Amino acid sequence: MSYTYCMRKDTIHDEDGKRYTVYGIEAVNSKGKILESFPDIFFDRQEAKRFVNLCNENNLELIHLADVVEDALA
């Protein structure tokens, strides 16, 4: 695998202007280039961290990342 999955952190605002921290996943190559990125998947940091670790530990192929993210949202 020539990339690593990393957790990303973003701040979003709802209609009322309330701020929320959300977490997602990115695939990053050895030169630091982002190959694929999915923001705003989780509200819980630990859940996002477990998801990213699971993807790395199982050497998830990049082609399957979108499907795995979709399953995590379901």
N, C-alpha and C. Protein backbone atom coordinates (compact mmCIF):
# COMPACT_ATOMS: atom_id res chain seq x y z
N MET A 1 0.86 -1.17 0.00
CA MET A 1 0.00 0.00 0.00
C MET A 1 0.91 1.24 0.00
N SER A 2 0.71 2.12 -0.96
CA SER A 2 1.56 3.30 -1.06
C SER A 2 0.86 4.55 -0.52
N TYR A 3 -0.03 4.36 0.38
CA TYR A 3 -0.75 5.47 1.02
C TYR A 3 -1.16 5.05 2.42
N THR A 4 -1.48 6.03 3.22
CA THR A 4 -1.91 5.81 4.59
C THR A 4 -3.22 6.56 4.80
N TYR A 5 -4.08 5.98 5.58
CA TYR A 5 -5.32 6.67 5.93
C TYR A 5 -5.08 7.50 7.19
N CYS A 6 -5.56 8.72 7.15
CA CYS A 6 -5.42 9.65 8.26
C CYS A 6 -6.78 10.24 8.61
N MET A 7 -6.93 10.60 9.86
CA MET A 7 -8.15 11.24 10.29
C MET A 7 -8.05 12.73 9.97
N ARG A 8 -9.16 13.29 9.48
CA ARG A 8 -9.21 14.74 9.27
C ARG A 8 -10.23 15.34 10.23
N LYS A 9 -10.03 16.58 10.57
CA LYS A 9 -10.89 17.28 11.53
C LYS A 9 -11.34 18.59 10.88
N ASP A 10 -12.63 18.85 10.92
CA ASP A 10 -13.19 20.07 10.35
C ASP A 10 -14.20 20.67 11.32
N THR A 11 -14.49 21.94 11.10
CA THR A 11 -15.53 22.62 11.85
C THR A 11 -16.63 23.02 10.88
N ILE A 12 -17.86 22.68 11.24
CA ILE A 12 -19.00 23.07 10.41
C ILE A 12 -19.95 23.91 11.26
N HIS A 13 -20.85 24.60 10.60
CA HIS A 13 -21.84 25.43 11.27
C HIS A 13 -23.23 25.02 10.80
N ASP A 14 -24.18 24.95 11.73
CA ASP A 14 -25.56 24.67 11.33
C ASP A 14 -26.26 25.97 10.93
N GLU A 15 -27.56 25.87 10.62
CA GLU A 15 -28.33 27.03 10.16
C GLU A 15 -28.35 28.16 11.18
N ASP A 16 -28.24 27.81 12.45
CA ASP A 16 -28.27 28.80 13.52
C ASP A 16 -26.89 29.34 13.87
N GLY A 17 -25.88 28.88 13.16
CA GLY A 17 -24.52 29.35 13.40
C GLY A 17 -23.77 28.59 14.48
N LYS A 18 -24.39 27.54 15.02
CA LYS A 18 -23.71 26.74 16.04
C LYS A 18 -22.59 25.93 15.38
N ARG A 19 -21.43 25.91 16.04
CA ARG A 19 -20.25 25.21 15.51
C ARG A 19 -20.20 23.77 16.00
N TYR A 20 -19.78 22.89 15.12
CA TYR A 20 -19.60 21.48 15.45
C TYR A 20 -18.25 21.03 14.90
N THR A 21 -17.58 20.18 15.64
CA THR A 21 -16.37 19.54 15.14
C THR A 21 -16.77 18.20 14.57
N VAL A 22 -16.31 17.94 13.35
CA VAL A 22 -16.61 16.68 12.67
C VAL A 22 -15.30 16.06 12.19
N TYR A 23 -15.34 14.77 11.97
CA TYR A 23 -14.14 14.02 11.60
C TYR A 23 -14.40 13.19 10.35
N GLY A 24 -13.35 13.03 9.57
CA GLY A 24 -13.45 12.25 8.35
C GLY A 24 -12.17 11.46 8.15
N ILE A 25 -11.95 11.07 6.91
CA ILE A 25 -10.80 10.24 6.57
C ILE A 25 -10.17 10.74 5.28
N GLU A 26 -8.85 10.63 5.21
CA GLU A 26 -8.11 10.96 4.00
C GLU A 26 -7.11 9.85 3.71
N ALA A 27 -6.90 9.62 2.43
CA ALA A 27 -5.82 8.74 1.99
C ALA A 27 -4.69 9.65 1.52
N VAL A 28 -3.51 9.49 2.12
CA VAL A 28 -2.37 10.36 1.84
C VAL A 28 -1.20 9.50 1.38
N ASN A 29 -0.56 9.91 0.27
CA ASN A 29 0.58 9.12 -0.21
C ASN A 29 1.85 9.49 0.57
N SER A 30 2.94 8.85 0.25
CA SER A 30 4.19 9.03 1.00
C SER A 30 4.78 10.44 0.84
N LYS A 31 4.34 11.18 -0.16
CA LYS A 31 4.81 12.55 -0.35
C LYS A 31 3.87 13.57 0.27
N GLY A 32 2.81 13.10 0.96
CA GLY A 32 1.88 13.99 1.62
C GLY A 32 0.72 14.47 0.76
N LYS A 33 0.63 13.97 -0.46
CA LYS A 33 -0.46 14.35 -1.35
C LYS A 33 -1.74 13.61 -0.95
N ILE A 34 -2.83 14.35 -0.85
CA ILE A 34 -4.12 13.74 -0.52
C ILE A 34 -4.69 13.11 -1.78
N LEU A 35 -4.90 11.80 -1.71
CA LEU A 35 -5.41 11.06 -2.86
C LEU A 35 -6.94 11.01 -2.87
N GLU A 36 -7.52 10.96 -1.69
CA GLU A 36 -8.98 10.87 -1.53
C GLU A 36 -9.31 11.43 -0.16
N SER A 37 -10.43 12.12 -0.06
CA SER A 37 -10.80 12.72 1.21
C SER A 37 -12.31 12.71 1.39
N PHE A 38 -12.74 12.32 2.58
CA PHE A 38 -14.15 12.32 2.95
C PHE A 38 -14.30 13.04 4.28
N PRO A 39 -14.79 14.27 4.25
CA PRO A 39 -15.00 15.02 5.49
C PRO A 39 -16.35 14.68 6.11
N ASP A 40 -16.56 15.10 7.33
CA ASP A 40 -17.89 15.10 7.93
C ASP A 40 -18.56 13.73 7.94
N ILE A 41 -17.85 12.72 8.44
CA ILE A 41 -18.43 11.38 8.55
C ILE A 41 -18.89 11.12 9.99
N PHE A 42 -18.07 11.54 10.94
CA PHE A 42 -18.32 11.25 12.36
C PHE A 42 -18.35 12.53 13.19
N PHE A 43 -19.16 12.51 14.24
CA PHE A 43 -19.10 13.57 15.25
C PHE A 43 -18.18 13.16 16.39
N ASP A 44 -17.99 11.86 16.58
CA ASP A 44 -17.20 11.32 17.67
C ASP A 44 -15.76 11.04 17.22
N ARG A 45 -14.81 11.67 17.89
CA ARG A 45 -13.40 11.53 17.52
C ARG A 45 -12.92 10.09 17.65
N GLN A 46 -13.28 9.44 18.73
CA GLN A 46 -12.82 8.07 18.96
C GLN A 46 -13.37 7.11 17.90
N GLU A 47 -14.61 7.31 17.51
CA GLU A 47 -15.20 6.48 16.47
C GLU A 47 -14.46 6.68 15.14
N ALA A 48 -14.13 7.93 14.84
CA ALA A 48 -13.38 8.22 13.62
C ALA A 48 -11.99 7.58 13.68
N LYS A 49 -11.35 7.68 14.82
CA LYS A 49 -10.01 7.10 15.00
C LYS A 49 -10.05 5.58 14.80
N ARG A 50 -11.06 4.93 15.37
CA ARG A 50 -11.20 3.48 15.20
C ARG A 50 -11.39 3.12 13.73
N PHE A 51 -12.20 3.91 13.03
CA PHE A 51 -12.47 3.68 11.61
C PHE A 51 -11.18 3.80 10.79
N VAL A 52 -10.42 4.84 11.01
CA VAL A 52 -9.17 5.05 10.29
C VAL A 52 -8.19 3.92 10.60
N ASN A 53 -8.07 3.55 11.85
CA ASN A 53 -7.17 2.45 12.23
C ASN A 53 -7.59 1.15 11.57
N LEU A 54 -8.88 0.89 11.51
CA LEU A 54 -9.38 -0.33 10.89
C LEU A 54 -9.02 -0.36 9.40
N CYS A 55 -9.16 0.77 8.73
CA CYS A 55 -8.80 0.84 7.32
C CYS A 55 -7.31 0.57 7.12
N ASN A 56 -6.47 1.15 7.97
CA ASN A 56 -5.02 0.94 7.87
C ASN A 56 -4.63 -0.49 8.22
N GLU A 57 -5.17 -1.02 9.30
CA GLU A 57 -4.82 -2.37 9.75
C GLU A 57 -5.21 -3.44 8.73
N ASN A 58 -6.28 -3.19 7.99
CA ASN A 58 -6.75 -4.16 7.01
C ASN A 58 -6.28 -3.85 5.59
N ASN A 59 -5.36 -2.88 5.47
CA ASN A 59 -4.81 -2.52 4.16
C ASN A 59 -5.91 -2.31 3.12
N LEU A 60 -6.91 -1.53 3.50
CA LEU A 60 -8.03 -1.27 2.61
C LEU A 60 -7.54 -0.65 1.31
N GLU A 61 -7.93 -1.23 0.21
CA GLU A 61 -7.58 -0.67 -1.10
C GLU A 61 -8.35 0.63 -1.30
N LEU A 62 -7.69 1.60 -1.85
CA LEU A 62 -8.28 2.92 -2.05
C LEU A 62 -9.57 2.86 -2.86
N ILE A 63 -9.65 1.96 -3.79
CA ILE A 63 -10.84 1.83 -4.63
C ILE A 63 -12.09 1.48 -3.81
N HIS A 64 -11.91 0.91 -2.64
CA HIS A 64 -13.04 0.51 -1.79
C HIS A 64 -13.40 1.54 -0.72
N LEU A 65 -12.62 2.61 -0.61
CA LEU A 65 -12.85 3.57 0.46
C LEU A 65 -14.24 4.19 0.41
N ALA A 66 -14.72 4.59 -0.74
CA ALA A 66 -16.04 5.22 -0.84
C ALA A 66 -17.13 4.28 -0.35
N ASP A 67 -17.03 3.00 -0.69
CA ASP A 67 -18.02 2.02 -0.24
C ASP A 67 -17.99 1.83 1.27
N VAL A 68 -16.79 1.80 1.84
CA VAL A 68 -16.64 1.61 3.27
C VAL A 68 -17.17 2.84 4.02
N VAL A 69 -16.92 4.02 3.48
CA VAL A 69 -17.45 5.25 4.09
C VAL A 69 -18.98 5.22 4.04
N GLU A 70 -19.53 4.83 2.92
CA GLU A 70 -20.99 4.74 2.78
C GLU A 70 -21.57 3.76 3.80
N ASP A 71 -20.91 2.64 4.00
CA ASP A 71 -21.36 1.66 5.00
C ASP A 71 -21.29 2.25 6.40
N ALA A 72 -20.26 3.02 6.68
CA ALA A 72 -20.11 3.63 8.02
C ALA A 72 -21.23 4.64 8.29
N LEU A 73 -21.71 5.29 7.26
CA LEU A 73 -22.78 6.27 7.42
C LEU A 73 -24.16 5.62 7.56
N ALA A 74 -24.26 4.40 7.07
CA ALA A 74 -25.58 3.71 7.10
C ALA A 74 -25.92 3.19 8.48
